[in-house]
Protein backbone atom coordinates (compact mmCIF):
# COMPACT_ATOMS: atom_id res chain seq x y z
CA VAL A 1 9.79 -28.97 -38.51
CA PRO A 2 11.62 -30.13 -36.24
CA LEU A 3 11.19 -34.14 -35.40
CA GLU A 4 10.90 -32.94 -31.35
CA ALA A 5 7.67 -30.54 -32.54
CA SER A 6 6.41 -32.64 -34.55
CA SER A 7 6.36 -35.61 -32.10
CA ALA A 8 4.57 -32.81 -30.23
CA GLN A 9 2.06 -32.27 -32.08
CA THR A 10 1.32 -34.86 -33.08
CA ALA A 11 1.30 -36.16 -29.04
CA GLN A 12 -1.40 -33.54 -28.54
CA VAL A 13 -3.57 -34.25 -31.05
CA LYS A 14 -3.68 -37.52 -29.84
CA ASN A 15 -4.64 -36.22 -26.19
CA SER A 16 -6.74 -33.77 -27.80
CA GLN A 17 -8.82 -36.78 -28.83
CA ALA A 18 -8.46 -39.01 -25.66
CA GLU A 19 -9.92 -36.23 -23.92
CA SER A 20 -13.17 -35.45 -26.40
CA ASP A 21 -13.61 -39.53 -26.26
CA GLU A 22 -13.86 -39.26 -21.67
CA ILE A 23 -16.17 -36.02 -21.67
CA ALA A 24 -18.12 -37.63 -24.35
CA ILE A 25 -18.47 -40.71 -21.23
CA LYS A 26 -19.07 -39.10 -18.17
CA PRO A 27 -19.43 -35.85 -17.02
CA ILE A 28 -16.38 -32.98 -16.49
CA ILE A 29 -15.26 -32.96 -12.83
CA LYS A 30 -13.51 -29.83 -12.78
CA PRO A 31 -10.48 -30.23 -9.38
CA ALA A 32 -10.54 -27.28 -6.82
CA VAL A 33 -7.10 -25.98 -7.72
CA LYS A 34 -5.65 -23.35 -4.94
CA PRO A 35 -4.16 -20.56 -6.72
CA LEU A 36 -0.28 -20.04 -6.02
CA THR A 37 0.00 -17.30 -3.85
CA LYS A 38 3.44 -14.69 -4.95
CA GLU A 39 4.88 -12.72 -2.60
CA ALA A 40 5.81 -9.18 -4.46
CA PRO A 41 9.75 -8.71 -4.53
CA THR A 42 8.90 -4.86 -3.09
CA PRO A 43 6.65 -4.18 -0.03
CA GLU A 44 3.22 -3.08 -1.14
CA LEU A 45 3.98 -0.21 0.83
CA PHE A 46 6.66 1.15 -1.55
CA SER A 47 5.29 -0.65 -4.86
CA GLN A 48 2.20 1.63 -3.99
CA LEU A 49 4.31 4.49 -3.63
CA LEU A 50 6.12 4.33 -6.84
CA THR A 51 2.21 3.81 -8.98
CA GLU A 52 1.76 7.22 -7.16
CA LEU A 53 4.70 9.22 -8.32
CA ASP A 54 3.62 8.20 -12.00
CA GLU A 55 0.03 8.21 -11.26
CA ILE A 56 -0.56 11.93 -9.03
CA GLU A 57 0.78 14.75 -10.64
CA VAL A 58 2.35 17.58 -8.06
CA THR A 59 3.20 20.49 -9.63
CA GLN A 60 6.68 20.97 -8.99
CA THR A 61 9.23 23.48 -9.72
CA ALA A 62 12.19 22.77 -8.95
CA GLY A 63 15.24 19.63 -10.11
CA LYS A 64 12.48 18.38 -13.00
CA THR A 65 15.40 17.60 -14.78
CA GLU A 66 17.37 15.86 -12.50
CA TYR A 67 14.28 13.68 -10.75
CA GLU A 68 13.30 12.39 -15.13
CA GLN A 69 16.97 11.51 -15.29
CA ALA A 70 17.20 9.70 -12.37
CA CYS A 71 13.89 7.43 -12.90
CA LYS A 72 14.88 6.17 -16.38
CA VAL A 73 17.80 4.38 -14.77
CA LEU A 74 16.28 3.78 -11.58
CA ASP A 75 12.69 2.48 -13.24
CA GLN A 76 14.61 -0.17 -15.37
CA PHE A 77 16.25 -1.29 -12.30
CA GLU A 78 12.37 -1.61 -10.49
CA GLN A 79 10.98 -3.29 -13.51
CA HIS A 80 13.99 -5.55 -13.33
CA ILE A 81 12.89 -6.65 -9.59
CA ALA A 82 9.39 -6.43 -10.29
CA LYS A 83 9.53 -9.91 -12.62
CA GLN A 84 11.99 -11.53 -9.83
CA ASP A 85 10.97 -14.52 -7.49
CA LYS A 86 12.12 -13.43 -4.96
CA PRO A 87 12.45 -10.71 -2.28
CA ARG A 88 14.31 -7.89 -3.43
CA ALA A 89 16.97 -8.23 -1.31
CA GLN A 90 18.03 -10.88 -3.19
CA VAL A 91 18.52 -9.87 -6.75
CA THR A 92 22.05 -9.55 -8.41
CA PHE A 93 23.08 -6.99 -10.59
CA SER A 94 26.12 -6.40 -12.16
CA GLN A 95 28.76 -3.53 -10.73
CA GLN A 96 28.44 -1.78 -13.75
CA HIS A 97 24.88 -1.89 -12.95
CA LEU A 98 25.32 -0.88 -9.08
CA ALA A 99 27.75 1.89 -10.26
CA ALA A 100 24.54 3.53 -12.76
CA LYS A 101 22.63 3.32 -9.89
CA GLN A 102 24.37 5.16 -7.68
CA GLN A 103 24.74 7.70 -10.35
CA ALA A 104 21.29 8.11 -10.55
CA LEU A 105 20.75 8.24 -6.72
CA LEU A 106 23.30 11.16 -6.68
CA LYS A 107 21.01 12.54 -9.16
CA LEU A 108 18.46 11.99 -6.89
CA GLN A 109 19.74 13.29 -4.42
CA ASP A 110 20.07 16.99 -6.21
CA ALA A 111 16.57 17.15 -7.35
CA ALA A 112 15.65 16.63 -3.76
CA HIS A 113 17.72 19.26 -1.58
CA ALA A 114 16.40 21.53 -5.09
CA GLY A 115 12.61 21.17 -3.08
CA ASN A 116 11.45 18.43 -5.33
CA SER A 117 8.90 16.46 -3.48
CA ALA A 118 8.91 13.65 -5.89
CA ALA A 119 12.30 13.36 -6.15
CA MET A 120 12.43 13.64 -1.61
CA LEU A 121 10.15 10.88 -2.02
CA ARG A 122 11.73 8.60 -4.21
CA LEU A 123 14.82 8.72 -2.25
CA ALA A 124 13.47 8.21 0.90
CA MET A 125 12.25 4.83 -1.24
CA TYR A 126 15.58 3.21 -1.53
CA GLU A 127 16.57 4.81 2.30
CA LEU A 128 14.14 3.08 4.21
CA LEU A 129 14.60 -0.25 1.85
CA GLY A 130 18.97 0.01 2.83
CA GLU A 131 19.34 0.84 -1.13
CA GLY A 132 20.59 4.57 -0.68
CA ALA A 133 23.54 6.64 -0.29
CA ASN A 134 23.49 5.72 3.93
CA THR A 135 25.70 1.86 4.25
CA ASP A 136 24.06 1.84 7.77
CA LYS A 137 21.17 0.86 7.89
CA VAL A 138 19.75 2.87 11.31
CA ALA A 139 21.25 5.85 9.93
CA GLY A 140 19.64 5.12 6.10
CA MET A 141 16.26 4.64 8.46
CA GLU A 142 16.16 7.71 9.63
CA SER A 143 17.13 9.39 6.74
CA GLY A 144 13.92 7.58 4.76
CA VAL A 145 12.37 9.30 7.13
CA GLU A 146 13.06 13.18 7.43
CA TRP A 147 12.46 12.57 3.69
CA VAL A 148 9.28 11.63 3.86
CA LYS A 149 8.47 14.31 6.38
CA GLN A 150 9.95 16.85 3.76
CA ALA A 151 8.16 16.20 1.07
CA ALA A 152 4.67 15.80 3.51
CA SER A 153 5.48 19.53 5.14
CA LYS A 154 5.08 20.46 1.31
CA ASP A 155 1.87 19.81 1.13
CA ASP A 156 2.40 16.29 -1.33
CA SER A 157 -0.29 14.15 -0.63
CA ARG A 158 1.83 11.20 -1.92
CA ALA A 159 3.75 12.31 0.86
CA GLN A 160 1.69 12.66 3.68
CA ARG A 161 -0.39 9.37 2.53
CA LEU A 162 2.80 7.12 3.02
CA LEU A 163 3.69 9.51 6.56
CA SER A 164 0.64 8.00 7.83
CA LYS A 165 1.54 4.30 6.98
CA LEU A 166 4.86 4.52 8.47
CA TYR A 167 3.09 5.61 11.85
CA TYR A 168 -0.15 3.26 11.48
CA GLN A 169 2.48 0.43 11.03
CA GLY A 170 5.42 1.74 13.10
CA PHE A 171 7.55 1.13 9.62
CA GLY A 172 10.81 3.56 10.54
CA VAL A 173 9.00 5.33 13.01
CA PRO A 174 7.57 4.53 16.69
CA GLN A 175 4.23 3.55 16.28
CA ASP A 176 1.48 6.30 16.51
CA MET A 177 -1.97 6.15 16.03
CA THR A 178 -3.16 9.99 16.22
CA ASN A 179 0.16 10.93 14.22
CA GLY A 180 -1.37 8.32 11.50
CA LYS A 181 -4.35 9.89 11.43
CA TYR A 182 -2.89 13.12 11.36
CA TRP A 183 -1.78 12.80 8.15
CA LEU A 184 -4.35 10.38 6.71
CA GLU A 185 -6.60 13.68 7.38
CA GLN A 186 -4.32 15.68 5.76
CA ALA A 187 -3.78 13.82 3.33
CA ALA A 188 -7.65 13.00 2.31
CA LYS A 189 -7.44 17.17 2.23
CA ASN A 190 -4.81 17.88 -0.24
CA GLY A 191 -6.39 15.31 -2.46
CA HIS A 192 -5.38 11.97 -1.99
CA ALA A 193 -8.52 9.51 -3.83
CA GLU A 194 -7.47 6.85 -1.40
CA ALA A 195 -7.22 8.84 2.27
CA ALA A 196 -9.97 10.39 1.14
CA SER A 197 -12.24 7.37 1.07
CA LEU A 198 -10.60 6.37 4.58
CA MET A 199 -11.61 9.46 6.28
CA SER A 200 -15.23 9.16 4.78
CA GLN A 201 -14.96 5.29 5.95
CA TRP A 202 -13.38 6.22 9.37
CA GLN A 203 -16.39 9.36 10.05
CA GLN A 204 -18.81 6.01 8.66
CA ALA A 205 -17.93 4.26 11.38
CA GLN A 206 -18.14 6.76 14.45
CA THR A 207 -21.13 7.74 12.90
CA LEU A 208 -22.27 4.38 13.01
CA ILE A 209 -20.59 3.85 16.69
CA SER A 210 -22.17 7.23 17.98
CA THR A 211 -25.65 6.39 17.10
CA GLN A 212 -25.38 2.89 18.66
CA LYS A 213 -24.36 4.51 21.93
CA GLN A 214 -26.96 6.89 22.49
CA GLU A 215 -29.49 3.73 21.06
CA GLN A 216 -28.20 2.21 24.35
CA HIS A 217 -28.74 4.59 26.37
CA SER A 218 -32.57 5.53 24.82
CA LEU A 219 -33.04 1.35 25.36
CA LYS A 220 -31.95 1.77 29.41
CA ARG A 221 -33.48 5.37 29.61
CA TYR A 222 -36.75 3.16 28.57
CA GLN A 223 -36.24 0.57 30.71
CA LEU A 224 -35.67 2.84 33.57
CA LEU A 225 -38.97 4.64 32.74
CA PHE A 226 -41.08 1.28 31.98
CA ALA A 227 -39.35 -0.73 35.92
CA VAL A 228 -40.62 2.66 37.40
CA ILE A 229 -43.64 3.48 35.75
CA ILE A 230 -44.39 -0.78 37.06
CA VAL A 231 -43.39 -0.08 40.39
CA ILE A 232 -46.06 2.55 40.51
CA ALA A 233 -48.60 0.14 39.48
CA ILE A 234 -47.16 -2.27 42.03
CA LEU A 235 -48.51 0.65 44.63
CA ILE A 236 -51.45 2.38 43.00
CA PHE A 237 -53.29 -1.32 43.53
CA ILE A 238 -51.60 -2.00 46.64
CA ILE A 239 -52.93 0.95 48.38
CA VAL A 240 -56.44 0.70 46.13
């Protein structure tokens, strides 16, 4: 056993004994420890999309082989980025790795042009993050939004949910609550569980607001009726 390991074990035993003695003498005091929060390298908007692409199955009729080949490479990049303790824009790769990623993006483009909505979404993600084929960020943002819209028009619930988020957050498009709600409804209709849950909550909130308004209106009517009765009673008392 190395000397360092042996010394460490001896110290550990002594520390354990000391801690046991201390516990026997006085009660345990647990200081409040504030958990350290770490910002994820990839924005939640897109990390959730990657999860949905794996977990929510949408039947694809074209570009499936190219999409799967591209994902084998791109998933390795995403796994490496996820382990980093810094924003994804600061994660560096060798030229060889970047060349492999570029080839994967080209396969993704082929699948997207063939009509594969999953490929459209993943390609859109890289364009919106500024990591796609477009070197110009504005052009990349526009291209990314168009890919999302195209996938949403194919009734892909994942695309419709993402498009609703883009409109609600004003990411890549002007913030538009009406369009955000419309695409949220479409995603819910096409079976997106989160979208359906949010729509249900929204409808419950609307019902509650409507009920409260009706109750307030009824209360005002009762108050007015009560006031009229009081006035009539006073008049009768005066007349009598």
